[in-house]
Protein backbone atom coordinates (compact mmCIF):
# COMPACT_ATOMS: atom_id res chain seq x y z
CA UNK A 1 -10.93 19.80 -25.27
CA UNK A 2 -7.57 18.66 -23.85
CA UNK A 3 -5.93 15.43 -24.96
CA UNK A 4 -6.63 12.36 -22.84
CA UNK A 5 -4.11 11.23 -20.25
CA UNK A 6 -2.94 7.86 -21.57
CA UNK A 7 -1.98 5.07 -19.19
CA UNK A 8 -0.62 1.61 -19.94
CA UNK A 9 -0.99 -1.04 -17.24
CA UNK A 10 1.31 -4.06 -17.06
CA UNK A 11 1.22 -6.93 -14.58
CA UNK A 12 4.38 -8.72 -13.48
CA UNK A 13 5.15 -10.97 -10.50
CA UNK A 14 2.13 -10.65 -8.25
CA UNK A 15 -1.36 -11.90 -7.49
CA UNK A 16 -3.43 -9.31 -9.35
CA UNK A 17 -4.93 -8.17 -6.06
CA UNK A 18 -4.35 -4.47 -6.75
CA UNK A 19 -6.45 -4.73 -9.92
CA UNK A 20 -9.15 -6.54 -7.94
CA UNK A 21 -9.06 -3.73 -5.36
CA UNK A 22 -9.14 -1.07 -8.08
CA UNK A 23 -12.34 -2.57 -9.48
CA UNK A 24 -13.95 -1.93 -6.08
CA UNK A 25 -13.69 1.84 -6.54
CA UNK A 26 -17.02 3.40 -5.74
CA UNK A 27 -18.85 6.71 -5.51
CA UNK A 28 -18.06 7.02 -8.37
CA UNK A 29 -16.98 3.73 -9.91
CA UNK A 30 -13.64 3.25 -11.68
CA UNK A 31 -14.80 3.91 -15.24
CA UNK A 32 -16.68 7.06 -14.24
CA UNK A 33 -13.73 8.35 -12.20
CA UNK A 34 -11.23 7.89 -15.01
CA UNK A 35 -13.54 9.29 -17.69
CA UNK A 36 -14.30 12.35 -15.58
CA UNK A 37 -10.58 13.06 -15.19
CA UNK A 38 -9.83 12.53 -18.88
CA UNK A 39 -7.79 9.39 -18.17
CA UNK A 40 -7.79 6.69 -20.82
CA UNK A 41 -6.45 3.17 -20.33
CA UNK A 42 -4.58 2.24 -23.50
CA UNK A 43 -4.32 -1.36 -22.37
CA UNK A 44 -4.79 -3.44 -19.25
CA UNK A 45 -4.19 -7.23 -19.31
CA UNK A 46 -7.42 -7.93 -17.43
CA UNK A 47 -9.74 -5.16 -18.56
CA UNK A 48 -8.85 -4.73 -22.25
CA UNK A 49 -10.20 -6.67 -25.22
CA UNK A 50 -6.93 -6.60 -27.16
CA UNK A 51 -4.66 -9.60 -26.68
CA UNK A 52 -1.60 -11.14 -28.26
CA UNK A 53 -0.42 -9.47 -31.44
CA UNK A 54 -2.82 -6.55 -30.97
CA UNK A 55 -1.31 -5.67 -27.57
CA UNK A 56 2.26 -6.07 -28.84
CA UNK A 57 1.47 -3.83 -31.82
CA UNK A 58 0.21 -1.19 -29.39
CA UNK A 59 3.45 -1.39 -27.40
CA UNK A 60 5.41 -0.92 -30.64
CA UNK A 61 3.43 2.21 -31.51
CA UNK A 62 4.07 3.62 -28.05
CA UNK A 63 7.79 2.94 -28.30
CA UNK A 64 7.85 4.53 -31.76
CA UNK A 65 6.30 7.70 -30.35
CA UNK A 66 3.08 7.36 -32.34
CA UNK A 67 0.99 7.21 -29.15
CA UNK A 68 2.01 9.33 -26.13
CA UNK A 69 2.42 7.39 -22.90
CA UNK A 70 1.56 9.63 -19.96
CA UNK A 71 1.82 7.00 -17.25
CA UNK A 72 3.20 3.49 -17.21
CA UNK A 73 1.52 1.61 -14.36
CA UNK A 74 3.16 -1.62 -13.22
CA UNK A 75 1.50 -4.07 -10.85
CA UNK A 76 3.60 -6.84 -9.33
CA UNK A 77 7.31 -7.22 -8.69
CA UNK A 78 9.83 -7.39 -11.52
CA UNK A 79 11.55 -10.77 -11.81
CA UNK A 80 15.24 -10.39 -12.62
CA UNK A 81 16.13 -14.08 -12.48
CA UNK A 82 17.74 -16.24 -13.53
CA UNK A 83 21.09 -14.49 -13.35
CA UNK A 84 19.77 -11.07 -14.31
CA UNK A 85 18.16 -12.24 -17.56
CA UNK A 86 14.56 -11.70 -16.47
CA UNK A 87 13.54 -14.86 -18.31
CA UNK A 88 11.56 -16.19 -15.37
CA UNK A 89 8.80 -13.94 -16.73
CA UNK A 90 8.41 -13.79 -20.49
CA UNK A 91 5.66 -11.58 -21.90
CA UNK A 92 3.48 -14.12 -23.68
CA UNK A 93 4.04 -14.36 -27.41
CA UNK A 94 7.10 -12.08 -27.48
CA UNK A 95 9.96 -14.28 -26.23
CA UNK A 96 11.15 -11.18 -24.38
CA UNK A 97 11.29 -10.76 -20.60
CA UNK A 98 8.75 -8.45 -18.99
CA UNK A 99 11.77 -6.79 -17.37
CA UNK A 100 12.93 -5.58 -20.81
CA UNK A 101 9.48 -4.37 -21.82
CA UNK A 102 9.11 -2.39 -18.59
CA UNK A 103 12.53 -0.78 -18.97
CA UNK A 104 11.87 0.26 -22.57
CA UNK A 105 8.38 1.57 -21.89
CA UNK A 106 9.49 3.39 -18.72
CA UNK A 107 12.07 5.23 -20.83
CA UNK A 108 9.35 6.83 -22.98
CA UNK A 109 6.72 7.38 -20.26
CA UNK A 110 6.07 10.80 -18.78
CA UNK A 111 5.41 9.17 -15.40
CA UNK A 112 5.98 5.69 -13.96
CA UNK A 113 3.69 4.41 -11.22
CA UNK A 114 4.31 1.31 -9.09
CA UNK A 115 0.88 -0.01 -8.14
CA UNK A 116 1.12 -2.00 -4.93
CA UNK A 117 3.94 -2.91 -2.58
CA UNK A 118 5.26 -5.68 -4.86
CA UNK A 119 5.82 -3.23 -7.72
CA UNK A 120 7.16 -0.61 -5.31
CA UNK A 121 9.56 -2.65 -3.17
CA UNK A 122 9.31 -6.34 -4.10
CA UNK A 123 6.66 -7.21 -1.52
CA UNK A 124 5.40 -10.73 -0.92
CA UNK A 125 6.83 -11.84 -4.27
CA UNK A 126 10.34 -11.13 -2.96
CA UNK A 127 9.84 -12.88 0.38
CA UNK A 128 11.98 -15.74 1.62
CA UNK A 129 15.04 -16.82 -0.36
CA UNK A 130 13.60 -15.02 -3.41
CA UNK A 131 14.69 -17.48 -6.12
CA UNK A 132 13.12 -15.29 -8.84
CA UNK A 133 15.24 -12.31 -7.74
CA UNK A 134 12.07 -10.22 -7.51
CA UNK A 135 12.34 -6.51 -6.80
CA UNK A 136 10.43 -3.27 -7.11
CA UNK A 137 10.68 -0.76 -9.92
CA UNK A 138 13.08 1.55 -8.07
CA UNK A 139 13.54 -0.22 -4.75
CA UNK A 140 14.82 -3.61 -3.70
CA UNK A 141 13.21 -3.83 -0.29
CA UNK A 142 14.35 -0.74 1.61
CA UNK A 143 17.29 -0.15 -0.70
CA UNK A 144 17.02 2.15 -3.70
CA UNK A 145 17.86 0.56 -7.02
CA UNK A 146 15.42 -2.08 -8.19
CA UNK A 147 14.68 -2.82 -11.84
CA UNK A 148 15.08 0.74 -13.12
CA UNK A 149 18.03 1.85 -11.01
CA UNK A 150 18.72 4.55 -8.45
CA UNK A 151 19.06 7.39 -10.94
CA UNK A 152 15.92 6.70 -12.96
CA UNK A 153 13.65 9.64 -13.68
CA UNK A 154 10.62 9.52 -15.94
CA UNK A 155 10.33 12.09 -18.70
CA UNK A 156 8.17 14.25 -16.47
CA UNK A 157 11.06 14.53 -13.99
CA UNK A 158 9.73 12.36 -11.17
CA UNK A 159 11.19 9.13 -9.83
CA UNK A 160 8.86 6.15 -9.67
CA UNK A 161 5.68 7.03 -7.77
CA UNK A 162 5.11 4.18 -5.29
CA UNK A 163 1.43 3.68 -4.56
CA UNK A 164 2.26 1.08 -1.94
CA UNK A 165 -0.25 -1.20 -0.26
CA UNK A 166 -1.08 -4.90 -0.31
CA UNK A 167 -3.42 -4.34 -1.94
CA UNK A 168 -3.67 -0.63 -2.64
CA UNK A 169 -6.83 1.27 -1.80
CA UNK A 170 -8.56 2.02 -5.14
CA UNK A 171 -8.70 5.73 -4.34
CA UNK A 172 -4.94 5.88 -3.74
CA UNK A 173 -4.48 4.76 -7.34
CA UNK A 174 -7.14 6.93 -8.95
CA UNK A 175 -6.16 10.04 -6.97
CA UNK A 176 -2.50 9.56 -7.88
CA UNK A 177 -3.38 9.29 -11.56
CA UNK A 178 -5.67 12.32 -11.37
CA UNK A 179 -2.98 14.40 -9.66
CA UNK A 180 -0.43 13.38 -12.29
CA UNK A 181 -2.82 14.15 -15.12
CA UNK A 182 -3.46 17.61 -13.67
CA UNK A 183 0.24 18.28 -13.09
CA UNK A 184 -0.33 18.55 -9.34
CA UNK A 185 2.04 15.88 -8.04
CA UNK A 186 5.62 17.08 -7.52
CA UNK A 187 8.57 15.43 -5.80
CA UNK A 188 7.91 17.16 -2.44
CA UNK A 189 4.52 15.43 -2.53
CA UNK A 190 6.26 12.05 -2.16
CA UNK A 191 7.61 10.73 1.14
CA UNK A 192 11.03 9.14 1.75
CA UNK A 193 9.90 5.86 0.14
CA UNK A 194 8.29 7.54 -2.86
CA UNK A 195 4.72 7.15 -1.57
CA UNK A 196 2.18 9.92 -2.28
CA UNK A 197 1.91 11.92 0.91
CA UNK A 198 -1.83 12.49 0.57
CA UNK A 199 -2.23 9.08 2.16
CA UNK A 200 1.27 8.30 3.50
CA UNK A 201 1.37 11.28 5.88
CA UNK A 202 -1.30 9.56 7.98
CA UNK A 203 -1.17 6.52 10.24
CA UNK A 204 -3.53 3.57 10.26
CA UNK A 205 -3.94 4.40 13.96
CA UNK A 206 -5.79 7.59 13.03
CA UNK A 207 -9.50 6.86 13.25
CA UNK A 208 -9.07 3.30 14.53
CA UNK A 209 -12.23 2.31 16.47
CA UNK A 210 -10.02 0.66 19.10
CA UNK A 211 -8.30 3.90 20.06
CA UNK A 212 -10.02 4.15 23.45
CA UNK A 213 -8.59 0.75 24.34
CA UNK A 214 -5.16 1.86 23.10
CA UNK A 215 -5.24 5.00 25.26
CA UNK A 216 -5.76 2.93 28.40
CA UNK A 217 -3.59 0.01 27.21
CA UNK A 218 -6.59 -2.26 27.56
CA UNK A 219 -5.32 -5.01 25.30
CA UNK A 220 -6.87 -7.88 23.41
CA UNK A 221 -5.40 -11.26 24.28
CA UNK A 222 -6.77 -13.33 21.43
CA UNK A 223 -8.36 -12.86 18.04
CA UNK A 224 -11.97 -11.59 18.25
CA UNK A 225 -11.31 -9.65 21.48
CA UNK A 226 -12.38 -6.00 21.31
CA UNK A 227 -9.26 -4.49 22.88
CA UNK A 228 -6.18 -2.89 21.35
CA UNK A 229 -4.13 -5.40 19.34
CA UNK A 230 -0.76 -3.63 19.65
CA UNK A 231 0.46 -5.17 22.93
CA UNK A 232 -0.10 -8.85 22.20
CA UNK A 233 -1.39 -9.42 18.66
CA UNK A 234 1.19 -7.67 16.49
CA UNK A 235 -0.80 -4.64 15.34
CA UNK A 236 1.42 -2.00 13.71
CA UNK A 237 -1.29 0.61 13.17
CA UNK A 238 0.62 3.15 15.26
CA UNK A 239 3.57 2.85 12.86
CA UNK A 240 1.94 2.12 9.50
CA UNK A 241 1.72 5.00 7.01
CA UNK A 242 -1.75 4.91 5.45
CA UNK A 243 -5.18 6.45 5.96
CA UNK A 244 -7.07 3.13 6.09
CA UNK A 245 -9.26 4.08 9.05
CA UNK A 246 -10.24 7.51 7.73
CA UNK A 247 -10.54 6.50 4.06
CA UNK A 248 -12.49 3.30 4.58
CA UNK A 249 -12.44 0.31 2.23
CA UNK A 250 -15.67 -0.51 0.43
CA UNK A 251 -17.21 2.40 2.28
CA UNK A 252 -17.03 0.90 5.74
CA UNK A 253 -14.08 -1.39 6.45
CA UNK A 254 -10.41 -1.67 7.35
CA UNK A 255 -8.21 -4.44 8.76
CA UNK A 256 -8.57 -3.28 12.36
CA UNK A 257 -12.31 -2.67 11.97
CA UNK A 258 -12.57 -6.25 10.78
CA UNK A 259 -10.76 -7.48 13.89
CA UNK A 260 -7.39 -8.12 12.23
CA UNK A 261 -4.10 -6.53 13.21
CA UNK A 262 -2.46 -4.04 10.85
CA UNK A 263 0.67 -5.62 9.32
CA UNK A 264 2.03 -2.35 7.84
CA UNK A 265 1.58 -3.49 4.24
CA UNK A 266 2.50 -0.10 2.75
CA UNK A 267 6.08 -0.39 4.04
CA UNK A 268 9.05 -1.99 2.30
CA UNK A 269 9.90 -5.44 3.66
CA UNK A 270 6.63 -5.72 5.60
CA UNK A 271 6.48 -9.29 4.32
CA UNK A 272 9.47 -10.31 6.45
CA UNK A 273 8.86 -8.97 9.98
CA UNK A 274 11.07 -11.65 11.55
CA UNK A 275 8.18 -13.06 13.58
CA UNK A 276 4.60 -14.20 13.09
CA UNK A 277 2.37 -11.35 11.92
CA UNK A 278 0.07 -11.77 14.94
CA UNK A 279 2.85 -11.75 17.53
CA UNK A 280 4.22 -8.66 19.25
CA UNK A 281 7.96 -9.03 19.95
CA UNK A 282 8.90 -7.66 23.36
CA UNK A 283 11.96 -7.00 25.45
CA UNK A 284 11.31 -6.89 29.17
CA UNK A 285 7.59 -6.84 28.48
CA UNK A 286 7.87 -3.70 26.30
CA UNK A 287 6.93 -3.99 22.59
CA UNK A 288 9.97 -3.63 20.34
CA UNK A 289 8.04 -1.64 17.75
CA UNK A 290 6.89 1.48 19.57
CA UNK A 291 4.41 4.01 18.19
CA UNK A 292 5.92 6.39 15.66
CA UNK A 293 7.73 9.37 17.25
CA UNK A 294 7.34 8.08 20.83
CA UNK A 295 10.50 7.69 22.99
CA UNK A 296 10.69 4.39 24.89
CA UNK A 297 10.88 6.06 28.32
CA UNK A 298 7.70 8.01 27.68
CA UNK A 299 5.91 4.89 26.42
CA UNK A 300 6.84 2.96 29.57
CA UNK A 301 5.70 5.80 31.83
CA UNK A 302 2.47 6.47 29.97
CA UNK A 303 1.63 2.77 29.71
CA UNK A 304 1.98 2.33 33.46
CA UNK A 305 -0.23 5.32 34.19
CA UNK A 306 -2.78 4.34 31.56
CA UNK A 307 -3.10 0.79 32.85
CA UNK A 308 -3.49 2.06 36.41
CA UNK A 309 -6.31 4.34 35.25
CA UNK A 310 -8.10 1.84 32.97
CA UNK A 311 -11.85 1.96 33.63
CA UNK A 312 -13.31 -1.40 34.62
CA UNK A 313 -15.62 -1.17 31.60
CA UNK A 314 -12.66 -1.19 29.19
CA UNK A 315 -10.77 -3.79 31.19
CA UNK A 316 -13.68 -6.22 30.90
CA UNK A 317 -14.62 -5.46 27.32
CA UNK A 318 -11.04 -5.62 26.01
CA UNK A 319 -10.83 -9.39 26.38
CA UNK A 320 -14.35 -10.12 25.19
CA UNK A 321 -15.80 -10.49 21.70
CA UNK A 322 -18.75 -8.28 22.61
CA UNK A 323 -19.54 -5.36 24.90
CA UNK A 324 -20.07 -6.75 28.39
CA UNK A 325 -20.25 -3.41 30.16
CA UNK A 326 -21.70 -0.43 28.27
CA UNK A 327 -20.59 3.15 28.99
CA UNK A 328 -22.30 4.72 31.97
CA UNK A 329 -25.11 7.13 31.16
CA UNK A 330 -24.24 10.39 32.89
CA UNK A 331 -26.48 13.44 33.11
CA UNK A 332 -24.17 16.30 32.18
CA UNK A 333 -26.43 18.83 33.89
CA UNK A 334 -25.69 17.30 37.30
CA UNK A 335 -21.90 17.53 37.11
């Protein structure tokens, strides 16, 4: 029987939402998934019984090489303030900044995983004037660097693996850990922001139930309308890298399926769009943020044609909170 894949989970500057999301893993549940893959949590601040001196003693054994650390998982942004000391976040009972603990443990870990956008890029914790000087493990917003530095590589050879999301989908986390434990995640499997491509090579737009409205540019005008939310309500699903509408949350949901615009939470600096999340900035009536890979001229031309061809059914339903006009029943044998 092979040795277990040991992970240590630390929480820094964040809300704990990624842990809450992880606990929603289902079919199978979190414990069954990890056990089946031979993954063992050495310690987690929320899930483990050990606290205080017991946890610190475990860290010491890991640093001494007595216990192998296969993956260091960090949730939440690292707080470098004040003045680079990291003392805005002291690990309880140690009088040492979490920043120092993370750097020392990352140096002995075979892999380092940033769980959530805060740990990956700084996220909501780094928003605004950022008095805590919060940053990600290997990114500070869109810039490489962060708490561990540009050149950091874990002992297994990979840079930090950024399982970005606010929060992350539980399966993004468990699949990343399973791929690492099986030796099946290499650097080409990460995108330009260090996100695992098994979910980052997709767009939230894929599988969105509002796609018919998008195709005809039949747009919602207010929250609760059924139409596409890109034109007026700030939806970034056509630009956001994630498989939220094909890998559903809790078996059946996503932001757009719940009637809320995608805010591109897997991207660095999503927390500071420069406008209200539910507004779509426009120039000359054209959204500034166009769908990924689409030239502006083509978007303008296609939008005009699509709106001219919008069926009355979609035009009416788009600005309603319920279906006013159902699809016509057509006998295909009489075409």
